[in-house]
């Protein structure tokens, strides 16, 4: 069982890992999809997620993520237009 101090420390550590290893574009897309899905029916939400997966396969983030994994390095994702 984690104490509240331990929980905050673990949460911050997990957030740091995500910030270093996950594409900001993908994070933004996932967050938007989750928020939209709260107000949508399941079938439309699934369709929207499927379309998003197909779009994501075209993003340069995919190539960088795979390259970084194979080269055992942290990814350097391209600017996602923030």
PDB file of N, CA and C in Angstrom:
ATOM      1  N   UNK A   1       0.843  -1.178   0.000  1.00  0.00           N
ATOM      2  CA  UNK A   1       0.000   0.000   0.000  1.00  0.00           C
ATOM      3  C   UNK A   1       0.885   1.236   0.000  1.00  0.00           C
ATOM      4  N   UNK A   2       0.562   2.177  -0.846  1.00  0.00           N
ATOM      5  CA  UNK A   2       1.329   3.418  -0.930  1.00  0.00           C
ATOM      6  C   UNK A   2       0.758   4.467   0.021  1.00  0.00           C
ATOM      7  N   UNK A   3       1.642   5.222   0.630  1.00  0.00           N
ATOM      8  CA  UNK A   3       1.187   6.378   1.403  1.00  0.00           C
ATOM      9  C   UNK A   3       0.889   7.495   0.408  1.00  0.00           C
ATOM     10  N   UNK A   4       0.269   8.567   0.866  1.00  0.00           N
ATOM     11  CA  UNK A   4      -0.038   9.669  -0.041  1.00  0.00           C
ATOM     12  C   UNK A   4       1.239  10.293  -0.598  1.00  0.00           C
ATOM     13  N   UNK A   5       2.289  10.360   0.218  1.00  0.00           N
ATOM     14  CA  UNK A   5       3.568  10.887  -0.276  1.00  0.00           C
ATOM     15  C   UNK A   5       4.168   9.950  -1.317  1.00  0.00           C
ATOM     16  N   UNK A   6       4.111   8.649  -1.056  1.00  0.00           N
ATOM     17  CA  UNK A   6       4.635   7.671  -2.007  1.00  0.00           C
ATOM     18  C   UNK A   6       3.829   7.688  -3.306  1.00  0.00           C
ATOM     19  N   UNK A   7       2.519   7.849  -3.169  1.00  0.00           N
ATOM     20  CA  UNK A   7       1.661   7.887  -4.354  1.00  0.00           C
ATOM     21  C   UNK A   7       2.037   9.054  -5.255  1.00  0.00           C
ATOM     22  N   UNK A   8       2.202  10.232  -4.681  1.00  0.00           N
ATOM     23  CA  UNK A   8       2.570  11.407  -5.465  1.00  0.00           C
ATOM     24  C   UNK A   8       3.929  11.201  -6.134  1.00  0.00           C
ATOM     25  N   UNK A   9       4.864  10.629  -5.409  1.00  0.00           N
ATOM     26  CA  UNK A   9       6.189  10.358  -5.959  1.00  0.00           C
ATOM     27  C   UNK A   9       6.107   9.374  -7.131  1.00  0.00           C
ATOM     28  N   UNK A  10       5.333   8.316  -6.966  1.00  0.00           N
ATOM     29  CA  UNK A  10       5.165   7.327  -8.030  1.00  0.00           C
ATOM     30  C   UNK A  10       4.437   7.924  -9.236  1.00  0.00           C
ATOM     31  N   UNK A  11       3.426   8.736  -8.974  1.00  0.00           N
ATOM     32  CA  UNK A  11       2.685   9.381 -10.070  1.00  0.00           C
ATOM     33  C   UNK A  11       3.599  10.319 -10.853  1.00  0.00           C
ATOM     34  N   UNK A  12       4.416  11.083 -10.161  1.00  0.00           N
ATOM     35  CA  UNK A  12       5.358  11.979 -10.833  1.00  0.00           C
ATOM     36  C   UNK A  12       6.387  11.206 -11.647  1.00  0.00           C
ATOM     37  N   UNK A  13       6.840  10.080 -11.125  1.00  0.00           N
ATOM     38  CA  UNK A  13       7.804   9.250 -11.853  1.00  0.00           C
ATOM     39  C   UNK A  13       7.162   8.688 -13.126  1.00  0.00           C
ATOM     40  N   UNK A  14       5.924   8.236 -13.021  1.00  0.00           N
ATOM     41  CA  UNK A  14       5.214   7.708 -14.192  1.00  0.00           C
ATOM     42  C   UNK A  14       4.992   8.807 -15.226  1.00  0.00           C
ATOM     43  N   UNK A  15       4.625  10.003 -14.773  1.00  0.00           N
ATOM     44  CA  UNK A  15       4.420  11.125 -15.692  1.00  0.00           C
ATOM     45  C   UNK A  15       5.715  11.500 -16.405  1.00  0.00           C
ATOM     46  N   UNK A  16       6.834  11.443 -15.696  1.00  0.00           N
ATOM     47  CA  UNK A  16       8.126  11.759 -16.311  1.00  0.00           C
ATOM     48  C   UNK A  16       8.476  10.746 -17.403  1.00  0.00           C
ATOM     49  N   UNK A  17       8.187   9.482 -17.147  1.00  0.00           N
ATOM     50  CA  UNK A  17       8.444   8.446 -18.156  1.00  0.00           C
ATOM     51  C   UNK A  17       7.583   8.695 -19.391  1.00  0.00           C
ATOM     52  N   UNK A  18       6.307   9.002 -19.187  1.00  0.00           N
ATOM     53  CA  UNK A  18       5.418   9.276 -20.320  1.00  0.00           C
ATOM     54  C   UNK A  18       5.897  10.487 -21.108  1.00  0.00           C
ATOM     55  N   UNK A  19       6.319  11.538 -20.402  1.00  0.00           N
ATOM     56  CA  UNK A  19       6.784  12.756 -21.072  1.00  0.00           C
ATOM     57  C   UNK A  19       8.021  12.503 -21.928  1.00  0.00           C
ATOM     58  N   UNK A  20       8.857  11.567 -21.518  1.00  0.00           N
ATOM     59  CA  UNK A  20      10.087  11.269 -22.260  1.00  0.00           C
ATOM     60  C   UNK A  20       9.881  10.286 -23.399  1.00  0.00           C
ATOM     61  N   UNK A  21       8.877   9.434 -23.294  1.00  0.00           N
ATOM     62  CA  UNK A  21       8.801   8.310 -24.224  1.00  0.00           C
ATOM     63  C   UNK A  21       7.553   8.264 -25.097  1.00  0.00           C
ATOM     64  N   UNK A  22       6.579   9.127 -24.858  1.00  0.00           N
ATOM     65  CA  UNK A  22       5.332   9.063 -25.617  1.00  0.00           C
ATOM     66  C   UNK A  22       5.211  10.304 -26.500  1.00  0.00           C
ATOM     67  N   UNK A  23       4.776  10.101 -27.707  1.00  0.00           N
ATOM     68  CA  UNK A  23       4.598  11.189 -28.661  1.00  0.00           C
ATOM     69  C   UNK A  23       3.597  12.214 -28.132  1.00  0.00           C
ATOM     70  N   UNK A  24       3.972  13.495 -28.101  1.00  0.00           N
ATOM     71  CA  UNK A  24       3.015  14.526 -27.671  1.00  0.00           C
ATOM     72  C   UNK A  24       1.773  14.553 -28.554  1.00  0.00           C
ATOM     73  N   UNK A  25       1.940  14.315 -29.840  1.00  0.00           N
ATOM     74  CA  UNK A  25       0.789  14.299 -30.752  1.00  0.00           C
ATOM     75  C   UNK A  25      -0.162  13.168 -30.359  1.00  0.00           C
ATOM     76  N   UNK A  26       0.391  11.997 -30.071  1.00  0.00           N
ATOM     77  CA  UNK A  26      -0.445  10.861 -29.674  1.00  0.00           C
ATOM     78  C   UNK A  26      -1.134  11.127 -28.338  1.00  0.00           C
ATOM     79  N   UNK A  27      -0.407  11.707 -27.407  1.00  0.00           N
ATOM     80  CA  UNK A  27      -0.998  12.031 -26.103  1.00  0.00           C
ATOM     81  C   UNK A  27      -2.160  12.997 -26.273  1.00  0.00           C
ATOM     82  N   UNK A  28      -1.955  14.029 -27.104  1.00  0.00           N
ATOM     83  CA  UNK A  28      -3.019  15.006 -27.353  1.00  0.00           C
ATOM     84  C   UNK A  28      -4.230  14.329 -27.989  1.00  0.00           C
ATOM     85  N   UNK A  29      -3.992  13.444 -28.965  1.00  0.00           N
ATOM     86  CA  UNK A  29      -5.091  12.755 -29.629  1.00  0.00           C
ATOM     87  C   UNK A  29      -5.854  11.864 -28.650  1.00  0.00           C
ATOM     88  N   UNK A  30      -5.135  11.101 -27.849  1.00  0.00           N
ATOM     89  CA  UNK A  30      -5.779  10.191 -26.894  1.00  0.00           C
ATOM     90  C   UNK A  30      -6.617  10.976 -25.886  1.00  0.00           C
ATOM     91  N   UNK A  31      -6.065  12.059 -25.377  1.00  0.00           N
ATOM     92  CA  UNK A  31      -6.806  12.880 -24.413  1.00  0.00           C
ATOM     93  C   UNK A  31      -8.088  13.419 -25.038  1.00  0.00           C
ATOM     94  N   UNK A  32      -7.997  13.951 -26.253  1.00  0.00           N
ATOM     95  CA  UNK A  32      -9.184  14.481 -26.933  1.00  0.00           C
ATOM     96  C   UNK A  32     -10.207  13.383 -27.178  1.00  0.00           C
ATOM     97  N   UNK A  33      -9.733  12.205 -27.596  1.00  0.00           N
ATOM     98  CA  UNK A  33     -10.661  11.099 -27.859  1.00  0.00           C
ATOM     99  C   UNK A  33     -11.365  10.653 -26.579  1.00  0.00           C
ATOM    100  N   UNK A  34     -10.633  10.541 -25.490  1.00  0.00           N
ATOM    101  CA  UNK A  34     -11.258  10.131 -24.226  1.00  0.00           C
ATOM    102  C   UNK A  34     -12.311  11.134 -23.773  1.00  0.00           C
ATOM    103  N   UNK A  35     -12.015  12.412 -23.918  1.00  0.00           N
ATOM    104  CA  UNK A  35     -12.989  13.432 -23.537  1.00  0.00           C
ATOM    105  C   UNK A  35     -14.222  13.378 -24.426  1.00  0.00           C
ATOM    106  N   UNK A  36     -14.020  13.212 -25.736  1.00  0.00           N
ATOM    107  CA  UNK A  36     -15.154  13.101 -26.660  1.00  0.00           C
ATOM    108  C   UNK A  36     -15.970  11.848 -26.392  1.00  0.00           C
ATOM    109  N   UNK A  37     -15.294  10.756 -26.049  1.00  0.00           N
ATOM    110  CA  UNK A  37     -15.973   9.477 -25.849  1.00  0.00           C
ATOM    111  C   UNK A  37     -16.920   9.508 -24.652  1.00  0.00           C
ATOM    112  N   UNK A  38     -16.664  10.395 -23.719  1.00  0.00           N
ATOM    113  CA  UNK A  38     -17.556  10.497 -22.554  1.00  0.00           C
ATOM    114  C   UNK A  38     -18.969  10.900 -22.949  1.00  0.00           C
ATOM    115  N   UNK A  39     -19.098  11.616 -24.066  1.00  0.00           N
ATOM    116  CA  UNK A  39     -20.392  12.144 -24.502  1.00  0.00           C
ATOM    117  C   UNK A  39     -20.912  11.449 -25.753  1.00  0.00           C
ATOM    118  N   UNK A  40     -20.367  10.316 -26.108  1.00  0.00           N
ATOM    119  CA  UNK A  40     -20.729   9.658 -27.354  1.00  0.00           C
ATOM    120  C   UNK A  40     -21.192   8.228 -27.084  1.00  0.00           C
ATOM    121  N   UNK A  41     -21.887   7.658 -28.055  1.00  0.00           N
ATOM    122  CA  UNK A  41     -22.287   6.258 -27.931  1.00  0.00           C
ATOM    123  C   UNK A  41     -21.095   5.381 -28.297  1.00  0.00           C
ATOM    124  N   UNK A  42     -21.090   4.166 -27.823  1.00  0.00           N
ATOM    125  CA  UNK A  42     -19.946   3.271 -27.972  1.00  0.00           C
ATOM    126  C   UNK A  42     -19.566   3.034 -29.430  1.00  0.00           C
ATOM    127  N   UNK A  43     -20.532   2.785 -30.290  1.00  0.00           N
ATOM    128  CA  UNK A  43     -20.193   2.465 -31.687  1.00  0.00           C
ATOM    129  C   UNK A  43     -19.512   3.634 -32.380  1.00  0.00           C
ATOM    130  N   UNK A  44     -19.994   4.862 -32.153  1.00  0.00           N
ATOM    131  CA  UNK A  44     -19.334   6.031 -32.761  1.00  0.00           C
ATOM    132  C   UNK A  44     -17.951   6.239 -32.177  1.00  0.00           C
ATOM    133  N   UNK A  45     -17.812   5.989 -30.889  1.00  0.00           N
ATOM    134  CA  UNK A  45     -16.517   6.141 -30.239  1.00  0.00           C
ATOM    135  C   UNK A  45     -15.505   5.147 -30.804  1.00  0.00           C
ATOM    136  N   UNK A  46     -15.931   3.918 -31.026  1.00  0.00           N
ATOM    137  CA  UNK A  46     -15.055   2.905 -31.617  1.00  0.00           C
ATOM    138  C   UNK A  46     -14.679   3.291 -33.037  1.00  0.00           C
ATOM    139  N   UNK A  47     -15.646   3.762 -33.829  1.00  0.00           N
ATOM    140  CA  UNK A  47     -15.353   4.200 -35.196  1.00  0.00           C
ATOM    141  C   UNK A  47     -14.344   5.342 -35.196  1.00  0.00           C
ATOM    142  N   UNK A  48     -14.520   6.302 -34.303  1.00  0.00           N
ATOM    143  CA  UNK A  48     -13.615   7.444 -34.205  1.00  0.00           C
ATOM    144  C   UNK A  48     -12.210   6.974 -33.828  1.00  0.00           C
ATOM    145  N   UNK A  49     -12.118   6.058 -32.887  1.00  0.00           N
ATOM    146  CA  UNK A  49     -10.818   5.532 -32.471  1.00  0.00           C
ATOM    147  C   UNK A  49     -10.143   4.782 -33.618  1.00  0.00           C
ATOM    148  N   UNK A  50     -10.900   4.016 -34.369  1.00  0.00           N
ATOM    149  CA  UNK A  50     -10.350   3.276 -35.509  1.00  0.00           C
ATOM    150  C   UNK A  50      -9.812   4.230 -36.565  1.00  0.00           C
ATOM    151  N   UNK A  51     -10.552   5.300 -36.844  1.00  0.00           N
ATOM    152  CA  UNK A  51     -10.076   6.308 -37.801  1.00  0.00           C
ATOM    153  C   UNK A  51      -8.790   6.952 -37.289  1.00  0.00           C
ATOM    154  N   UNK A  52      -8.722   7.194 -35.990  1.00  0.00           N
ATOM    155  CA  UNK A  52      -7.533   7.785 -35.397  1.00  0.00           C
ATOM    156  C   UNK A  52      -6.315   6.895 -35.529  1.00  0.00           C
ATOM    157  N   UNK A  53      -6.518   5.604 -35.377  1.00  0.00           N
ATOM    158  CA  UNK A  53      -5.409   4.654 -35.529  1.00  0.00           C
ATOM    159  C   UNK A  53      -4.873   4.716 -36.953  1.00  0.00           C
ATOM    160  N   UNK A  54      -5.773   4.766 -37.921  1.00  0.00           N
ATOM    161  CA  UNK A  54      -5.333   4.834 -39.319  1.00  0.00           C
ATOM    162  C   UNK A  54      -4.571   6.131 -39.598  1.00  0.00           C
ATOM    163  N   UNK A  55      -5.014   7.241 -39.009  1.00  0.00           N
ATOM    164  CA  UNK A  55      -4.290   8.511 -39.157  1.00  0.00           C
ATOM    165  C   UNK A  55      -2.916   8.425 -38.500  1.00  0.00           C
ATOM    166  N   UNK A  56      -2.875   7.843 -37.309  1.00  0.00           N
ATOM    167  CA  UNK A  56      -1.622   7.771 -36.553  1.00  0.00           C
ATOM    168  C   UNK A  56      -0.562   6.961 -37.285  1.00  0.00           C
ATOM    169  N   UNK A  57      -0.979   5.992 -38.071  1.00  0.00           N
ATOM    170  CA  UNK A  57      -0.020   5.186 -38.827  1.00  0.00           C
ATOM    171  C   UNK A  57       0.702   6.007 -39.892  1.00  0.00           C
ATOM    172  N   UNK A  58       0.165   7.177 -40.212  1.00  0.00           N
ATOM    173  CA  UNK A  58       0.779   8.050 -41.208  1.00  0.00           C
ATOM    174  C   UNK A  58       1.655   9.133 -40.569  1.00  0.00           C
ATOM    175  N   UNK A  59       1.609   9.280 -39.254  1.00  0.00           N
ATOM    176  CA  UNK A  59       2.378  10.315 -38.571  1.00  0.00           C
ATOM    177  C   UNK A  59       3.862   9.947 -38.548  1.00  0.00           C
ATOM    178  N   UNK A  60       4.747  10.943 -38.645  1.00  0.00           N
ATOM    179  CA  UNK A  60       6.181  10.668 -38.544  1.00  0.00           C
ATOM    180  C   UNK A  60       6.583  10.159 -37.157  1.00  0.00           C
ATOM    181  N   UNK A  61       5.711  10.352 -36.177  1.00  0.00           N
ATOM    182  CA  UNK A  61       5.978   9.872 -34.819  1.00  0.00           C
ATOM    183  C   UNK A  61       6.177   8.358 -34.797  1.00  0.00           C
ATOM    184  N   UNK A  62       5.453   7.657 -35.650  1.00  0.00           N
ATOM    185  CA  UNK A  62       5.545   6.199 -35.681  1.00  0.00           C
ATOM    186  C   UNK A  62       6.958   5.755 -36.066  1.00  0.00           C
ATOM    187  N   UNK A  63       7.481   6.342 -37.121  1.00  0.00           N
ATOM    188  CA  UNK A  63       8.834   5.978 -37.577  1.00  0.00           C
ATOM    189  C   UNK A  63       9.852   6.310 -36.493  1.00  0.00           C
ATOM    190  N   UNK A  64       9.724   7.489 -35.878  1.00  0.00           N
ATOM    191  CA  UNK A  64      10.670   7.884 -34.831  1.00  0.00           C
ATOM    192  C   UNK A  64      10.559   6.957 -33.626  1.00  0.00           C
ATOM    193  N   UNK A  65       9.357   6.598 -33.232  1.00  0.00           N
ATOM    194  CA  UNK A  65       9.173   5.707 -32.087  1.00  0.00           C
ATOM    195  C   UNK A  65       9.785   4.336 -32.322  1.00  0.00           C
ATOM    196  N   UNK A  66       9.561   3.791 -33.504  1.00  0.00           N
ATOM    197  CA  UNK A  66      10.134   2.481 -33.829  1.00  0.00           C
ATOM    198  C   UNK A  66      11.653   2.567 -33.913  1.00  0.00           C
ATOM    199  N   UNK A  67      12.162   3.616 -34.561  1.00  0.00           N
ATOM    200  CA  UNK A  67      13.618   3.785 -34.675  1.00  0.00           C
ATOM    201  C   UNK A  67      14.264   3.906 -33.297  1.00  0.00           C
ATOM    202  N   UNK A  68      13.663   4.717 -32.433  1.00  0.00           N
ATOM    203  CA  UNK A  68      14.215   4.898 -31.084  1.00  0.00           C
ATOM    204  C   UNK A  68      14.217   3.584 -30.321  1.00  0.00           C
ATOM    205  N   UNK A  69      13.154   2.818 -30.431  1.00  0.00           N
ATOM    206  CA  UNK A  69      13.075   1.531 -29.753  1.00  0.00           C
ATOM    207  C   UNK A  69      14.168   0.588 -30.251  1.00  0.00           C
ATOM    208  N   UNK A  70      14.315   0.501 -31.565  1.00  0.00           N
ATOM    209  CA  UNK A  70      15.312  -0.414 -32.139  1.00  0.00           C
ATOM    210  C   UNK A  70      16.738   0.015 -31.809  1.00  0.00           C
ATOM    211  N   UNK A  71      16.947   1.343 -31.710  1.00  0.00           N
ATOM    212  CA  UNK A  71      18.279   1.864 -31.413  1.00  0.00           C
ATOM    213  C   UNK A  71      18.525   2.035 -29.909  1.00  0.00           C
ATOM    214  N   UNK A  72      17.524   1.625 -29.112  1.00  0.00           N
ATOM    215  CA  UNK A  72      17.623   1.688 -27.646  1.00  0.00           C
ATOM    216  C   UNK A  72      17.987   3.101 -27.158  1.00  0.00           C
ATOM    217  N   UNK A  73      17.205   4.081 -27.644  1.00  0.00           N
ATOM    218  CA  UNK A  73      17.398   5.470 -27.247  1.00  0.00           C
ATOM    219  C   UNK A  73      16.043   6.117 -27.003  1.00  0.00           C
ATOM    220  N   UNK A  74      16.058   7.270 -26.366  1.00  0.00           N
ATOM    221  CA  UNK A  74      14.814   8.006 -26.181  1.00  0.00           C
ATOM    222  C   UNK A  74      14.386   8.609 -27.515  1.00  0.00           C
ATOM    223  N   UNK A  75      13.100   8.631 -27.792  1.00  0.00           N
ATOM    224  CA  UNK A  75      12.637   9.206 -29.048  1.00  0.00           C
ATOM    225  C   UNK A  75      12.764  10.733 -29.042  1.00  0.00           C
ATOM    226  N   UNK A  76      12.947  11.273 -30.228  1.00  0.00           N
ATOM    227  CA  UNK A  76      12.955  12.733 -30.429  1.00  0.00           C
ATOM    228  C   UNK A  76      11.829  13.023 -31.414  1.00  0.00           C
ATOM    229  N   UNK A  77      10.619  13.090 -30.894  1.00  0.00           N
ATOM    230  CA  UNK A  77       9.448  13.240 -31.766  1.00  0.00           C
ATOM    231  C   UNK A  77       9.458  14.600 -32.443  1.00  0.00           C
ATOM    232  N   UNK A  78       9.022  14.623 -33.714  1.00  0.00           N
ATOM    233  CA  UNK A  78       8.955  15.888 -34.435  1.00  0.00           C
ATOM    234  C   UNK A  78       7.901  16.807 -33.813  1.00  0.00           C
ATOM    235  N   UNK A  79       8.032  18.080 -34.066  1.00  0.00           N
ATOM    236  CA  UNK A  79       7.081  19.067 -33.556  1.00  0.00           C
ATOM    237  C   UNK A  79       5.693  18.735 -34.108  1.00  0.00           C
ATOM    238  N   UNK A  80       4.736  18.649 -33.203  1.00  0.00           N
ATOM    239  CA  UNK A  80       3.371  18.293 -33.612  1.00  0.00           C
ATOM    240  C   UNK A  80       2.511  19.527 -33.842  1.00  0.00           C
ATOM    241  N   UNK A  81       3.127  20.680 -33.931  1.00  0.00           N
ATOM    242  CA  UNK A  81       2.375  21.889 -34.209  1.00  0.00           C
ATOM    243  C   UNK A  81       1.750  22.532 -32.991  1.00  0.00           C
ATOM    244  N   UNK A  82       2.415  22.433 -31.855  1.00  0.00           N
ATOM    245  CA  UNK A  82       1.885  23.051 -30.641  1.00  0.00           C
ATOM    246  C   UNK A  82       2.224  24.517 -30.625  1.00  0.00           C
TER     247      UNK A  82
END
